[in-house]
């Protein structure tokens, strides 16, 4: 999915969603819930994930 598609599906602008991805803004719990449902990702993972995908 593109940023445009995800942003539209969860009810935010593409620019805001991109800033959330970059860590510039902290998403609300409501937005995290919408993302978890849309992307079929556990809400706890989204809440705990700090954006660091490194396994070092």
PDB file of N, CA and C in Angstrom:
ATOM      1  N   UNK A   1       0.840  -1.186   0.000  1.00  0.00           N
ATOM      2  CA  UNK A   1       0.000   0.000   0.000  1.00  0.00           C
ATOM      3  C   UNK A   1       0.882   1.245   0.000  1.00  0.00           C
ATOM      4  N   UNK A   2       0.394   2.280  -0.637  1.00  0.00           N
ATOM      5  CA  UNK A   2       1.135   3.538  -0.647  1.00  0.00           C
ATOM      6  C   UNK A   2       0.781   4.361   0.589  1.00  0.00           C
ATOM      7  N   UNK A   3       1.591   5.369   0.858  1.00  0.00           N
ATOM      8  CA  UNK A   3       1.284   6.278   1.959  1.00  0.00           C
ATOM      9  C   UNK A   3      -0.067   6.946   1.736  1.00  0.00           C
ATOM     10  N   UNK A   4      -0.359   7.305   0.498  1.00  0.00           N
ATOM     11  CA  UNK A   4      -1.650   7.924   0.191  1.00  0.00           C
ATOM     12  C   UNK A   4      -2.802   6.993   0.549  1.00  0.00           C
ATOM     13  N   UNK A   5      -2.688   5.736   0.183  1.00  0.00           N
ATOM     14  CA  UNK A   5      -3.757   4.769   0.450  1.00  0.00           C
ATOM     15  C   UNK A   5      -3.939   4.543   1.946  1.00  0.00           C
ATOM     16  N   UNK A   6      -2.842   4.389   2.653  1.00  0.00           N
ATOM     17  CA  UNK A   6      -2.922   4.164   4.099  1.00  0.00           C
ATOM     18  C   UNK A   6      -3.499   5.389   4.790  1.00  0.00           C
ATOM     19  N   UNK A   7      -2.972   6.556   4.468  1.00  0.00           N
ATOM     20  CA  UNK A   7      -3.452   7.797   5.082  1.00  0.00           C
ATOM     21  C   UNK A   7      -4.947   7.978   4.845  1.00  0.00           C
ATOM     22  N   UNK A   8      -5.380   7.753   3.626  1.00  0.00           N
ATOM     23  CA  UNK A   8      -6.799   7.892   3.296  1.00  0.00           C
ATOM     24  C   UNK A   8      -7.639   6.900   4.087  1.00  0.00           C
ATOM     25  N   UNK A   9      -7.175   5.677   4.200  1.00  0.00           N
ATOM     26  CA  UNK A   9      -7.928   4.631   4.893  1.00  0.00           C
ATOM     27  C   UNK A   9      -8.062   4.897   6.390  1.00  0.00           C
ATOM     28  N   UNK A  10      -7.075   5.565   6.989  1.00  0.00           N
ATOM     29  CA  UNK A  10      -7.127   5.824   8.435  1.00  0.00           C
ATOM     30  C   UNK A  10      -7.565   7.250   8.754  1.00  0.00           C
ATOM     31  N   UNK A  11      -7.819   8.050   7.718  1.00  0.00           N
ATOM     32  CA  UNK A  11      -8.395   9.370   7.935  1.00  0.00           C
ATOM     33  C   UNK A  11      -7.435  10.483   8.295  1.00  0.00           C
ATOM     34  N   UNK A  12      -6.206  10.404   7.797  1.00  0.00           N
ATOM     35  CA  UNK A  12      -5.238  11.482   8.013  1.00  0.00           C
ATOM     36  C   UNK A  12      -4.651  11.883   6.669  1.00  0.00           C
ATOM     37  N   UNK A  13      -3.949  13.010   6.653  1.00  0.00           N
ATOM     38  CA  UNK A  13      -3.310  13.431   5.406  1.00  0.00           C
ATOM     39  C   UNK A  13      -2.075  12.582   5.142  1.00  0.00           C
ATOM     40  N   UNK A  14      -1.671  12.519   3.890  1.00  0.00           N
ATOM     41  CA  UNK A  14      -0.471  11.773   3.540  1.00  0.00           C
ATOM     42  C   UNK A  14       0.746  12.396   4.205  1.00  0.00           C
ATOM     43  N   UNK A  15       0.788  13.721   4.269  1.00  0.00           N
ATOM     44  CA  UNK A  15       1.925  14.409   4.887  1.00  0.00           C
ATOM     45  C   UNK A  15       2.034  14.061   6.372  1.00  0.00           C
ATOM     46  N   UNK A  16       0.897  14.042   7.073  1.00  0.00           N
ATOM     47  CA  UNK A  16       0.919  13.695   8.492  1.00  0.00           C
ATOM     48  C   UNK A  16       1.366  12.248   8.679  1.00  0.00           C
ATOM     49  N   UNK A  17       0.812  11.355   7.869  1.00  0.00           N
ATOM     50  CA  UNK A  17       1.196   9.948   7.978  1.00  0.00           C
ATOM     51  C   UNK A  17       2.690   9.771   7.714  1.00  0.00           C
ATOM     52  N   UNK A  18       3.220  10.473   6.723  1.00  0.00           N
ATOM     53  CA  UNK A  18       4.653  10.392   6.422  1.00  0.00           C
ATOM     54  C   UNK A  18       5.475  10.882   7.609  1.00  0.00           C
ATOM     55  N   UNK A  19       5.021  11.946   8.260  1.00  0.00           N
ATOM     56  CA  UNK A  19       5.733  12.456   9.437  1.00  0.00           C
ATOM     57  C   UNK A  19       5.677  11.466  10.599  1.00  0.00           C
ATOM     58  N   UNK A  20       4.573  10.758  10.742  1.00  0.00           N
ATOM     59  CA  UNK A  20       4.480   9.714  11.772  1.00  0.00           C
ATOM     60  C   UNK A  20       5.485   8.613  11.463  1.00  0.00           C
ATOM     61  N   UNK A  21       5.558   8.197  10.195  1.00  0.00           N
ATOM     62  CA  UNK A  21       6.526   7.168   9.802  1.00  0.00           C
ATOM     63  C   UNK A  21       7.955   7.600  10.111  1.00  0.00           C
ATOM     64  N   UNK A  22       8.247   8.869   9.902  1.00  0.00           N
ATOM     65  CA  UNK A  22       9.596   9.395  10.130  1.00  0.00           C
ATOM     66  C   UNK A  22       9.886   9.658  11.604  1.00  0.00           C
ATOM     67  N   UNK A  23       8.878   9.543  12.452  1.00  0.00           N
ATOM     68  CA  UNK A  23       9.077   9.777  13.870  1.00  0.00           C
ATOM     69  C   UNK A  23       8.983  11.236  14.274  1.00  0.00           C
ATOM     70  N   UNK A  24       8.500  12.084  13.396  1.00  0.00           N
ATOM     71  CA  UNK A  24       8.365  13.509  13.707  1.00  0.00           C
ATOM     72  C   UNK A  24       7.166  13.778  14.600  1.00  0.00           C
ATOM     73  N   UNK A  25       6.146  12.928  14.511  1.00  0.00           N
ATOM     74  CA  UNK A  25       4.951  13.053  15.339  1.00  0.00           C
ATOM     75  C   UNK A  25       4.652  11.720  15.992  1.00  0.00           C
ATOM     76  N   UNK A  26       4.108  11.787  17.188  1.00  0.00           N
ATOM     77  CA  UNK A  26       3.666  10.585  17.878  1.00  0.00           C
ATOM     78  C   UNK A  26       2.187  10.389  17.567  1.00  0.00           C
ATOM     79  N   UNK A  27       1.828   9.261  16.988  1.00  0.00           N
ATOM     80  CA  UNK A  27       0.424   9.047  16.630  1.00  0.00           C
ATOM     81  C   UNK A  27      -0.440   8.823  17.864  1.00  0.00           C
ATOM     82  N   UNK A  28      -1.694   9.193  17.744  1.00  0.00           N
ATOM     83  CA  UNK A  28      -2.651   8.951  18.824  1.00  0.00           C
ATOM     84  C   UNK A  28      -2.957   7.461  18.908  1.00  0.00           C
ATOM     85  N   UNK A  29      -3.498   7.057  20.032  1.00  0.00           N
ATOM     86  CA  UNK A  29      -3.912   5.663  20.193  1.00  0.00           C
ATOM     87  C   UNK A  29      -4.979   5.316  19.159  1.00  0.00           C
ATOM     88  N   UNK A  30      -5.861   6.266  18.871  1.00  0.00           N
ATOM     89  CA  UNK A  30      -6.908   6.057  17.865  1.00  0.00           C
ATOM     90  C   UNK A  30      -6.297   5.758  16.499  1.00  0.00           C
ATOM     91  N   UNK A  31      -5.270   6.520  16.121  1.00  0.00           N
ATOM     92  CA  UNK A  31      -4.608   6.279  14.842  1.00  0.00           C
ATOM     93  C   UNK A  31      -3.888   4.936  14.856  1.00  0.00           C
ATOM     94  N   UNK A  32      -3.217   4.617  15.950  1.00  0.00           N
ATOM     95  CA  UNK A  32      -2.540   3.320  16.046  1.00  0.00           C
ATOM     96  C   UNK A  32      -3.532   2.172  15.909  1.00  0.00           C
ATOM     97  N   UNK A  33      -4.693   2.317  16.519  1.00  0.00           N
ATOM     98  CA  UNK A  33      -5.716   1.275  16.417  1.00  0.00           C
ATOM     99  C   UNK A  33      -6.183   1.119  14.974  1.00  0.00           C
ATOM    100  N   UNK A  34      -6.418   2.232  14.303  1.00  0.00           N
ATOM    101  CA  UNK A  34      -6.841   2.170  12.899  1.00  0.00           C
ATOM    102  C   UNK A  34      -5.769   1.505  12.035  1.00  0.00           C
ATOM    103  N   UNK A  35      -4.509   1.855  12.281  1.00  0.00           N
ATOM    104  CA  UNK A  35      -3.414   1.247  11.519  1.00  0.00           C
ATOM    105  C   UNK A  35      -3.312  -0.247  11.801  1.00  0.00           C
ATOM    106  N   UNK A  36      -3.474  -0.633  13.068  1.00  0.00           N
ATOM    107  CA  UNK A  36      -3.357  -2.052  13.411  1.00  0.00           C
ATOM    108  C   UNK A  36      -4.428  -2.877  12.718  1.00  0.00           C
ATOM    109  N   UNK A  37      -5.633  -2.341  12.634  1.00  0.00           N
ATOM    110  CA  UNK A  37      -6.724  -3.052  11.959  1.00  0.00           C
ATOM    111  C   UNK A  37      -6.459  -3.102  10.460  1.00  0.00           C
ATOM    112  N   UNK A  38      -6.118  -1.963   9.879  1.00  0.00           N
ATOM    113  CA  UNK A  38      -5.894  -1.885   8.439  1.00  0.00           C
ATOM    114  C   UNK A  38      -4.773  -2.809   7.987  1.00  0.00           C
ATOM    115  N   UNK A  39      -3.672  -2.794   8.727  1.00  0.00           N
ATOM    116  CA  UNK A  39      -2.480  -3.536   8.314  1.00  0.00           C
ATOM    117  C   UNK A  39      -2.371  -4.916   8.959  1.00  0.00           C
ATOM    118  N   UNK A  40      -3.367  -5.265   9.789  1.00  0.00           N
ATOM    119  CA  UNK A  40      -3.377  -6.555  10.478  1.00  0.00           C
ATOM    120  C   UNK A  40      -2.093  -6.748  11.292  1.00  0.00           C
ATOM    121  N   UNK A  41      -1.794  -5.721  12.094  1.00  0.00           N
ATOM    122  CA  UNK A  41      -0.613  -5.728  12.958  1.00  0.00           C
ATOM    123  C   UNK A  41      -1.096  -5.589  14.396  1.00  0.00           C
ATOM    124  N   UNK A  42      -0.488  -6.329  15.304  1.00  0.00           N
ATOM    125  CA  UNK A  42      -0.859  -6.265  16.709  1.00  0.00           C
ATOM    126  C   UNK A  42      -0.673  -4.846  17.250  1.00  0.00           C
ATOM    127  N   UNK A  43      -1.692  -4.331  17.914  1.00  0.00           N
ATOM    128  CA  UNK A  43      -1.640  -2.977  18.461  1.00  0.00           C
ATOM    129  C   UNK A  43      -0.483  -2.813  19.439  1.00  0.00           C
ATOM    130  N   UNK A  44      -0.218  -3.823  20.246  1.00  0.00           N
ATOM    131  CA  UNK A  44       0.887  -3.734  21.205  1.00  0.00           C
ATOM    132  C   UNK A  44       2.229  -3.570  20.504  1.00  0.00           C
ATOM    133  N   UNK A  45       2.392  -4.202  19.361  1.00  0.00           N
ATOM    134  CA  UNK A  45       3.626  -4.035  18.592  1.00  0.00           C
ATOM    135  C   UNK A  45       3.784  -2.586  18.159  1.00  0.00           C
ATOM    136  N   UNK A  46       2.708  -1.999  17.653  1.00  0.00           N
ATOM    137  CA  UNK A  46       2.777  -0.605  17.213  1.00  0.00           C
ATOM    138  C   UNK A  46       3.053   0.335  18.384  1.00  0.00           C
ATOM    139  N   UNK A  47       2.451   0.064  19.531  1.00  0.00           N
ATOM    140  CA  UNK A  47       2.643   0.924  20.701  1.00  0.00           C
ATOM    141  C   UNK A  47       4.062   0.826  21.242  1.00  0.00           C
ATOM    142  N   UNK A  48       4.669  -0.346  21.159  1.00  0.00           N
ATOM    143  CA  UNK A  48       5.988  -0.556  21.742  1.00  0.00           C
ATOM    144  C   UNK A  48       7.116  -0.301  20.768  1.00  0.00           C
ATOM    145  N   UNK A  49       6.828  -0.351  19.479  1.00  0.00           N
ATOM    146  CA  UNK A  49       7.875  -0.203  18.475  1.00  0.00           C
ATOM    147  C   UNK A  49       8.342   1.237  18.428  1.00  0.00           C
ATOM    148  N   UNK A  50       9.644   1.436  18.577  1.00  0.00           N
ATOM    149  CA  UNK A  50      10.199   2.792  18.546  1.00  0.00           C
ATOM    150  C   UNK A  50      10.699   3.166  17.168  1.00  0.00           C
ATOM    151  N   UNK A  51      10.410   2.331  16.182  1.00  0.00           N
ATOM    152  CA  UNK A  51      10.861   2.612  14.830  1.00  0.00           C
ATOM    153  C   UNK A  51      12.197   1.995  14.495  1.00  0.00           C
ATOM    154  N   UNK A  52      12.866   1.424  15.472  1.00  0.00           N
ATOM    155  CA  UNK A  52      14.166   0.806  15.248  1.00  0.00           C
ATOM    156  C   UNK A  52      13.956  -0.641  14.846  1.00  0.00           C
ATOM    157  N   UNK A  53      14.269  -0.948  13.597  1.00  0.00           N
ATOM    158  CA  UNK A  53      14.100  -2.317  13.121  1.00  0.00           C
ATOM    159  C   UNK A  53      15.416  -3.077  13.124  1.00  0.00           C
ATOM    160  N   UNK A  54      16.442  -2.476  13.675  1.00  0.00           N
ATOM    161  CA  UNK A  54      17.754  -3.117  13.734  1.00  0.00           C
ATOM    162  C   UNK A  54      17.719  -4.283  14.706  1.00  0.00           C
ATOM    163  N   UNK A  55      18.443  -5.336  14.377  1.00  0.00           N
ATOM    164  CA  UNK A  55      18.514  -6.499  15.266  1.00  0.00           C
ATOM    165  C   UNK A  55      19.907  -6.663  15.843  1.00  0.00           C
ATOM    166  N   UNK A  56      20.718  -5.635  15.762  1.00  0.00           N
ATOM    167  CA  UNK A  56      22.103  -5.697  16.257  1.00  0.00           C
ATOM    168  C   UNK A  56      22.151  -5.798  17.754  1.00  0.00           C
TER     169      UNK A  56
END
